[in-house]
Amino acid sequence: MAILPVFLLALPIGLDFAFATALVFGLASIAALLFFLILGMTGLARVFERIPSRYNDALVGFVIAAVGTYVLVLG
């Protein structure tokens, strides 16, 4: 939905420009998500180094339960 106003403004300039705008938006979105994913994985790797391995299953279960509760309450 974020691209819709930009896409609608690009249409009067031409259909080729609208497609180029959509392509650039898609590629920029993919690049940003990839960058933040790598950044997050690096940060999580540092955090998980300090946690003993026996607590990993409990930690993953807590995260799944927290996300499920968030989606149930606010979703």
PDB file of N, CA and C in Angstrom:
ATOM      1  N   MET A   1       0.799  -1.189   0.000  1.00  0.00           N
ATOM      2  CA  MET A   1       0.000   0.000   0.000  1.00  0.00           C
ATOM      3  C   MET A   1       0.850   1.266   0.000  1.00  0.00           C
ATOM      4  N   ALA A   2       2.089   1.179   0.432  1.00  0.00           N
ATOM      5  CA  ALA A   2       2.928   2.374   0.500  1.00  0.00           C
ATOM      6  C   ALA A   2       3.277   2.904  -0.885  1.00  0.00           C
ATOM      7  N   ILE A   3       3.312   2.041  -1.878  1.00  0.00           N
ATOM      8  CA  ILE A   3       3.699   2.457  -3.227  1.00  0.00           C
ATOM      9  C   ILE A   3       2.517   3.035  -3.995  1.00  0.00           C
ATOM     10  N   LEU A   4       1.304   2.808  -3.545  1.00  0.00           N
ATOM     11  CA  LEU A   4       0.125   3.206  -4.312  1.00  0.00           C
ATOM     12  C   LEU A   4       0.086   4.694  -4.670  1.00  0.00           C
ATOM     13  N   PRO A   5       0.304   5.628  -3.733  1.00  0.00           N
ATOM     14  CA  PRO A   5       0.292   7.048  -4.138  1.00  0.00           C
ATOM     15  C   PRO A   5       1.405   7.388  -5.135  1.00  0.00           C
ATOM     16  N   VAL A   6       2.573   6.829  -4.938  1.00  0.00           N
ATOM     17  CA  VAL A   6       3.680   7.086  -5.863  1.00  0.00           C
ATOM     18  C   VAL A   6       3.363   6.513  -7.235  1.00  0.00           C
ATOM     19  N   PHE A   7       2.809   5.328  -7.258  1.00  0.00           N
ATOM     20  CA  PHE A   7       2.455   4.672  -8.513  1.00  0.00           C
ATOM     21  C   PHE A   7       1.382   5.462  -9.261  1.00  0.00           C
ATOM     22  N   LEU A   8       0.393   5.957  -8.537  1.00  0.00           N
ATOM     23  CA  LEU A   8      -0.669   6.740  -9.181  1.00  0.00           C
ATOM     24  C   LEU A   8      -0.138   8.072  -9.718  1.00  0.00           C
ATOM     25  N   LEU A   9       0.821   8.677  -9.027  1.00  0.00           N
ATOM     26  CA  LEU A   9       1.418   9.914  -9.522  1.00  0.00           C
ATOM     27  C   LEU A   9       2.326   9.665 -10.722  1.00  0.00           C
ATOM     28  N   ALA A  10       2.883   8.468 -10.829  1.00  0.00           N
ATOM     29  CA  ALA A  10       3.776   8.150 -11.943  1.00  0.00           C
ATOM     30  C   ALA A  10       3.009   7.795 -13.211  1.00  0.00           C
ATOM     31  N   LEU A  11       1.759   7.389 -13.111  1.00  0.00           N
ATOM     32  CA  LEU A  11       0.982   6.979 -14.287  1.00  0.00           C
ATOM     33  C   LEU A  11       0.808   8.078 -15.334  1.00  0.00           C
ATOM     34  N   PRO A  12       0.511   9.335 -14.959  1.00  0.00           N
ATOM     35  CA  PRO A  12       0.369  10.359 -16.002  1.00  0.00           C
ATOM     36  C   PRO A  12       1.656  10.611 -16.791  1.00  0.00           C
ATOM     37  N   ILE A  13       2.794  10.350 -16.191  1.00  0.00           N
ATOM     38  CA  ILE A  13       4.065  10.544 -16.902  1.00  0.00           C
ATOM     39  C   ILE A  13       4.232   9.489 -17.982  1.00  0.00           C
ATOM     40  N   GLY A  14       3.723   8.315 -17.726  1.00  0.00           N
ATOM     41  CA  GLY A  14       3.805   7.243 -18.702  1.00  0.00           C
ATOM     42  C   GLY A  14       3.809   5.889 -18.031  1.00  0.00           C
ATOM     43  N   LEU A  15       3.329   4.911 -18.749  1.00  0.00           N
ATOM     44  CA  LEU A  15       3.242   3.559 -18.195  1.00  0.00           C
ATOM     45  C   LEU A  15       4.630   2.975 -17.956  1.00  0.00           C
ATOM     46  N   ASP A  16       5.586   3.279 -18.832  1.00  0.00           N
ATOM     47  CA  ASP A  16       6.954   2.779 -18.638  1.00  0.00           C
ATOM     48  C   ASP A  16       7.551   3.332 -17.353  1.00  0.00           C
ATOM     49  N   PHE A  17       7.316   4.615 -17.077  1.00  0.00           N
ATOM     50  CA  PHE A  17       7.830   5.217 -15.856  1.00  0.00           C
ATOM     51  C   PHE A  17       7.162   4.608 -14.625  1.00  0.00           C
ATOM     52  N   ALA A  18       5.876   4.293 -14.733  1.00  0.00           N
ATOM     53  CA  ALA A  18       5.170   3.662 -13.618  1.00  0.00           C
ATOM     54  C   ALA A  18       5.743   2.277 -13.333  1.00  0.00           C
ATOM     55  N   PHE A  19       6.024   1.510 -14.384  1.00  0.00           N
ATOM     56  CA  PHE A  19       6.636   0.191 -14.188  1.00  0.00           C
ATOM     57  C   PHE A  19       8.040   0.312 -13.614  1.00  0.00           C
ATOM     58  N   ALA A  20       8.797   1.305 -14.085  1.00  0.00           N
ATOM     59  CA  ALA A  20      10.138   1.519 -13.544  1.00  0.00           C
ATOM     60  C   ALA A  20      10.070   1.907 -12.071  1.00  0.00           C
ATOM     61  N   THR A  21       9.096   2.725 -11.726  1.00  0.00           N
ATOM     62  CA  THR A  21       8.916   3.113 -10.327  1.00  0.00           C
ATOM     63  C   THR A  21       8.586   1.900  -9.470  1.00  0.00           C
ATOM     64  N   ALA A  22       7.708   1.048  -9.944  1.00  0.00           N
ATOM     65  CA  ALA A  22       7.355  -0.166  -9.209  1.00  0.00           C
ATOM     66  C   ALA A  22       8.562  -1.087  -9.063  1.00  0.00           C
ATOM     67  N   LEU A  23       9.357  -1.200 -10.115  1.00  0.00           N
ATOM     68  CA  LEU A  23      10.543  -2.049 -10.065  1.00  0.00           C
ATOM     69  C   LEU A  23      11.562  -1.517  -9.064  1.00  0.00           C
ATOM     70  N   VAL A  24      11.817  -0.220  -9.103  1.00  0.00           N
ATOM     71  CA  VAL A  24      12.769   0.378  -8.163  1.00  0.00           C
ATOM     72  C   VAL A  24      12.267   0.243  -6.731  1.00  0.00           C
ATOM     73  N   PHE A  25      10.969   0.462  -6.530  1.00  0.00           N
ATOM     74  CA  PHE A  25      10.403   0.312  -5.192  1.00  0.00           C
ATOM     75  C   PHE A  25      10.565  -1.127  -4.691  1.00  0.00           C
ATOM     76  N   GLY A  26      10.290  -2.089  -5.543  1.00  0.00           N
ATOM     77  CA  GLY A  26      10.437  -3.491  -5.152  1.00  0.00           C
ATOM     78  C   GLY A  26      11.870  -3.854  -4.812  1.00  0.00           C
ATOM     79  N   LEU A  27      12.799  -3.428  -5.652  1.00  0.00           N
ATOM     80  CA  LEU A  27      14.204  -3.737  -5.394  1.00  0.00           C
ATOM     81  C   LEU A  27      14.713  -3.043  -4.133  1.00  0.00           C
ATOM     82  N   ALA A  28      14.307  -1.796  -3.919  1.00  0.00           N
ATOM     83  CA  ALA A  28      14.719  -1.086  -2.709  1.00  0.00           C
ATOM     84  C   ALA A  28      14.127  -1.736  -1.466  1.00  0.00           C
ATOM     85  N   SER A  29      12.896  -2.210  -1.563  1.00  0.00           N
ATOM     86  CA  SER A  29      12.278  -2.894  -0.425  1.00  0.00           C
ATOM     87  C   SER A  29      13.006  -4.187  -0.100  1.00  0.00           C
ATOM     88  N   ILE A  30      13.336  -4.956  -1.128  1.00  0.00           N
ATOM     89  CA  ILE A  30      14.071  -6.208  -0.922  1.00  0.00           C
ATOM     90  C   ILE A  30      15.448  -5.932  -0.311  1.00  0.00           C
ATOM     91  N   ALA A  31      16.138  -4.924  -0.813  1.00  0.00           N
ATOM     92  CA  ALA A  31      17.467  -4.593  -0.294  1.00  0.00           C
ATOM     93  C   ALA A  31      17.388  -4.141   1.161  1.00  0.00           C
ATOM     94  N   ALA A  32      16.393  -3.325   1.499  1.00  0.00           N
ATOM     95  CA  ALA A  32      16.255  -2.859   2.877  1.00  0.00           C
ATOM     96  C   ALA A  32      15.929  -4.014   3.819  1.00  0.00           C
ATOM     97  N   LEU A  33      15.005  -4.886   3.409  1.00  0.00           N
ATOM     98  CA  LEU A  33      14.671  -6.034   4.255  1.00  0.00           C
ATOM     99  C   LEU A  33      15.866  -6.959   4.440  1.00  0.00           C
ATOM    100  N   LEU A  34      16.620  -7.173   3.389  1.00  0.00           N
ATOM    101  CA  LEU A  34      17.811  -8.018   3.486  1.00  0.00           C
ATOM    102  C   LEU A  34      18.845  -7.397   4.420  1.00  0.00           C
ATOM    103  N   PHE A  35      19.047  -6.082   4.300  1.00  0.00           N
ATOM    104  CA  PHE A  35      20.001  -5.394   5.168  1.00  0.00           C
ATOM    105  C   PHE A  35      19.600  -5.528   6.636  1.00  0.00           C
ATOM    106  N   PHE A  36      18.322  -5.282   6.939  1.00  0.00           N
ATOM    107  CA  PHE A  36      17.879  -5.372   8.327  1.00  0.00           C
ATOM    108  C   PHE A  36      17.876  -6.807   8.831  1.00  0.00           C
ATOM    109  N   LEU A  37      17.632  -7.772   7.967  1.00  0.00           N
ATOM    110  CA  LEU A  37      17.698  -9.168   8.354  1.00  0.00           C
ATOM    111  C   LEU A  37      19.118  -9.556   8.734  1.00  0.00           C
ATOM    112  N   ILE A  38      20.087  -9.167   7.920  1.00  0.00           N
ATOM    113  CA  ILE A  38      21.486  -9.476   8.224  1.00  0.00           C
ATOM    114  C   ILE A  38      21.920  -8.753   9.493  1.00  0.00           C
ATOM    115  N   LEU A  39      21.521  -7.498   9.639  1.00  0.00           N
ATOM    116  CA  LEU A  39      21.850  -6.738  10.842  1.00  0.00           C
ATOM    117  C   LEU A  39      21.244  -7.387  12.080  1.00  0.00           C
ATOM    118  N   GLY A  40      19.999  -7.819  11.976  1.00  0.00           N
ATOM    119  CA  GLY A  40      19.340  -8.484  13.096  1.00  0.00           C
ATOM    120  C   GLY A  40      19.962  -9.819  13.433  1.00  0.00           C
ATOM    121  N   MET A  41      20.328 -10.590  12.414  1.00  0.00           N
ATOM    122  CA  MET A  41      20.957 -11.886  12.670  1.00  0.00           C
ATOM    123  C   MET A  41      22.305 -11.714  13.363  1.00  0.00           C
ATOM    124  N   THR A  42      23.048 -10.686  12.977  1.00  0.00           N
ATOM    125  CA  THR A  42      24.327 -10.431  13.616  1.00  0.00           C
ATOM    126  C   THR A  42      24.126 -10.062  15.079  1.00  0.00           C
ATOM    127  N   GLY A  43      23.152  -9.206  15.334  1.00  0.00           N
ATOM    128  CA  GLY A  43      22.862  -8.825  16.715  1.00  0.00           C
ATOM    129  C   GLY A  43      22.360  -9.988  17.545  1.00  0.00           C
ATOM    130  N   LEU A  44      21.477 -10.816  16.969  1.00  0.00           N
ATOM    131  CA  LEU A  44      20.970 -11.970  17.699  1.00  0.00           C
ATOM    132  C   LEU A  44      22.056 -13.003  17.961  1.00  0.00           C
ATOM    133  N   ALA A  45      22.995 -13.135  17.049  1.00  0.00           N
ATOM    134  CA  ALA A  45      24.091 -14.079  17.258  1.00  0.00           C
ATOM    135  C   ALA A  45      24.904 -13.669  18.474  1.00  0.00           C
ATOM    136  N   ARG A  46      25.120 -12.374  18.629  1.00  0.00           N
ATOM    137  CA  ARG A  46      25.863 -11.898  19.795  1.00  0.00           C
ATOM    138  C   ARG A  46      25.072 -12.130  21.087  1.00  0.00           C
ATOM    139  N   VAL A  47      23.757 -11.938  21.028  1.00  0.00           N
ATOM    140  CA  VAL A  47      22.928 -12.135  22.216  1.00  0.00           C
ATOM    141  C   VAL A  47      22.892 -13.610  22.596  1.00  0.00           C
ATOM    142  N   PHE A  48      22.734 -14.486  21.599  1.00  0.00           N
ATOM    143  CA  PHE A  48      22.616 -15.912  21.886  1.00  0.00           C
ATOM    144  C   PHE A  48      23.930 -16.537  22.318  1.00  0.00           C
ATOM    145  N   GLU A  49      25.051 -15.897  22.062  1.00  0.00           N
ATOM    146  CA  GLU A  49      26.330 -16.428  22.542  1.00  0.00           C
ATOM    147  C   GLU A  49      26.372 -16.456  24.057  1.00  0.00           C
ATOM    148  N   ARG A  50      25.697 -15.516  24.696  1.00  0.00           N
ATOM    149  CA  ARG A  50      25.736 -15.396  26.155  1.00  0.00           C
ATOM    150  C   ARG A  50      24.746 -16.318  26.860  1.00  0.00           C
ATOM    151  N   ILE A  51      23.760 -16.828  26.113  1.00  0.00           N
ATOM    152  CA  ILE A  51      22.729 -17.677  26.710  1.00  0.00           C
ATOM    153  C   ILE A  51      23.154 -19.135  26.581  1.00  0.00           C
ATOM    154  N   PRO A  52      23.122 -19.878  27.699  1.00  0.00           N
ATOM    155  CA  PRO A  52      23.471 -21.309  27.613  1.00  0.00           C
ATOM    156  C   PRO A  52      22.535 -22.045  26.654  1.00  0.00           C
ATOM    157  N   SER A  53      23.055 -23.017  25.956  1.00  0.00           N
ATOM    158  CA  SER A  53      22.282 -23.713  24.920  1.00  0.00           C
ATOM    159  C   SER A  53      21.067 -24.441  25.474  1.00  0.00           C
ATOM    160  N   ARG A  54      21.076 -24.797  26.744  1.00  0.00           N
ATOM    161  CA  ARG A  54      19.935 -25.525  27.303  1.00  0.00           C
ATOM    162  C   ARG A  54      18.678 -24.662  27.396  1.00  0.00           C
ATOM    163  N   TYR A  55      18.828 -23.337  27.307  1.00  0.00           N
ATOM    164  CA  TYR A  55      17.675 -22.444  27.381  1.00  0.00           C
ATOM    165  C   TYR A  55      17.144 -22.040  26.000  1.00  0.00           C
ATOM    166  N   ASN A  56      17.760 -22.499  24.941  1.00  0.00           N
ATOM    167  CA  ASN A  56      17.349 -22.086  23.593  1.00  0.00           C
ATOM    168  C   ASN A  56      15.909 -22.473  23.265  1.00  0.00           C
ATOM    169  N   ASP A  57      15.508 -23.694  23.596  1.00  0.00           N
ATOM    170  CA  ASP A  57      14.140 -24.131  23.294  1.00  0.00           C
ATOM    171  C   ASP A  57      13.114 -23.299  24.052  1.00  0.00           C
ATOM    172  N   ALA A  58      13.399 -23.009  25.321  1.00  0.00           N
ATOM    173  CA  ALA A  58      12.477 -22.192  26.106  1.00  0.00           C
ATOM    174  C   ALA A  58      12.401 -20.780  25.544  1.00  0.00           C
ATOM    175  N   LEU A  59      13.519 -20.245  25.102  1.00  0.00           N
ATOM    176  CA  LEU A  59      13.542 -18.897  24.539  1.00  0.00           C
ATOM    177  C   LEU A  59      12.750 -18.833  23.234  1.00  0.00           C
ATOM    178  N   VAL A  60      12.916 -19.820  22.369  1.00  0.00           N
ATOM    179  CA  VAL A  60      12.171 -19.866  21.110  1.00  0.00           C
ATOM    180  C   VAL A  60      10.676 -20.018  21.385  1.00  0.00           C
ATOM    181  N   GLY A  61      10.319 -20.851  22.345  1.00  0.00           N
ATOM    182  CA  GLY A  61       8.915 -21.014  22.721  1.00  0.00           C
ATOM    183  C   GLY A  61       8.317 -19.733  23.253  1.00  0.00           C
ATOM    184  N   PHE A  62       9.087 -18.992  24.040  1.00  0.00           N
ATOM    185  CA  PHE A  62       8.611 -17.711  24.563  1.00  0.00           C
ATOM    186  C   PHE A  62       8.375 -16.717  23.431  1.00  0.00           C
ATOM    187  N   VAL A  63       9.264 -16.670  22.473  1.00  0.00           N
ATOM    188  CA  VAL A  63       9.110 -15.746  21.342  1.00  0.00           C
ATOM    189  C   VAL A  63       7.877 -16.115  20.525  1.00  0.00           C
ATOM    190  N   ILE A  64       7.666 -17.390  20.269  1.00  0.00           N
ATOM    191  CA  ILE A  64       6.479 -17.827  19.521  1.00  0.00           C
ATOM    192  C   ILE A  64       5.204 -17.487  20.286  1.00  0.00           C
ATOM    193  N   ALA A  65       5.212 -17.716  21.584  1.00  0.00           N
ATOM    194  CA  ALA A  65       4.030 -17.384  22.394  1.00  0.00           C
ATOM    195  C   ALA A  65       3.793 -15.877  22.434  1.00  0.00           C
ATOM    196  N   ALA A  66       4.851 -15.091  22.516  1.00  0.00           N
ATOM    197  CA  ALA A  66       4.710 -13.638  22.549  1.00  0.00           C
ATOM    198  C   ALA A  66       4.155 -13.111  21.228  1.00  0.00           C
ATOM    199  N   VAL A  67       4.642 -13.631  20.113  1.00  0.00           N
ATOM    200  CA  VAL A  67       4.140 -13.207  18.807  1.00  0.00           C
ATOM    201  C   VAL A  67       2.682 -13.630  18.635  1.00  0.00           C
ATOM    202  N   GLY A  68       2.356 -14.833  19.052  1.00  0.00           N
ATOM    203  CA  GLY A  68       0.971 -15.305  18.979  1.00  0.00           C
ATOM    204  C   GLY A  68       0.032 -14.460  19.819  1.00  0.00           C
ATOM    205  N   THR A  69       0.466 -14.092  21.009  1.00  0.00           N
ATOM    206  CA  THR A  69      -0.344 -13.233  21.872  1.00  0.00           C
ATOM    207  C   THR A  69      -0.517 -11.853  21.258  1.00  0.00           C
ATOM    208  N   TYR A  70       0.539 -11.326  20.699  1.00  0.00           N
ATOM    209  CA  TYR A  70       0.476 -10.012  20.044  1.00  0.00           C
ATOM    210  C   TYR A  70      -0.529 -10.030  18.890  1.00  0.00           C
ATOM    211  N   VAL A  71      -0.451 -11.064  18.060  1.00  0.00           N
ATOM    212  CA  VAL A  71      -1.362 -11.165  16.911  1.00  0.00           C
ATOM    213  C   VAL A  71      -2.802 -11.352  17.383  1.00  0.00           C
ATOM    214  N   LEU A  72      -2.989 -12.144  18.428  1.00  0.00           N
ATOM    215  CA  LEU A  72      -4.327 -12.404  18.950  1.00  0.00           C
ATOM    216  C   LEU A  72      -4.953 -11.154  19.558  1.00  0.00           C
ATOM    217  N   VAL A  73      -4.167 -10.395  20.313  1.00  0.00           N
ATOM    218  CA  VAL A  73      -4.700  -9.237  21.021  1.00  0.00           C
ATOM    219  C   VAL A  73      -4.804  -8.016  20.106  1.00  0.00           C
ATOM    220  N   LEU A  74      -3.744  -7.730  19.377  1.00  0.00           N
ATOM    221  CA  LEU A  74      -3.706  -6.507  18.578  1.00  0.00           C
ATOM    222  C   LEU A  74      -3.999  -6.720  17.095  1.00  0.00           C
ATOM    223  N   GLY A  75      -4.025  -7.961  16.647  1.00  0.00           N
ATOM    224  CA  GLY A  75      -4.220  -8.232  15.230  1.00  0.00           C
ATOM    225  C   GLY A  75      -5.602  -8.286  14.833  1.00  0.00           C
TER     226      GLY A  75
END
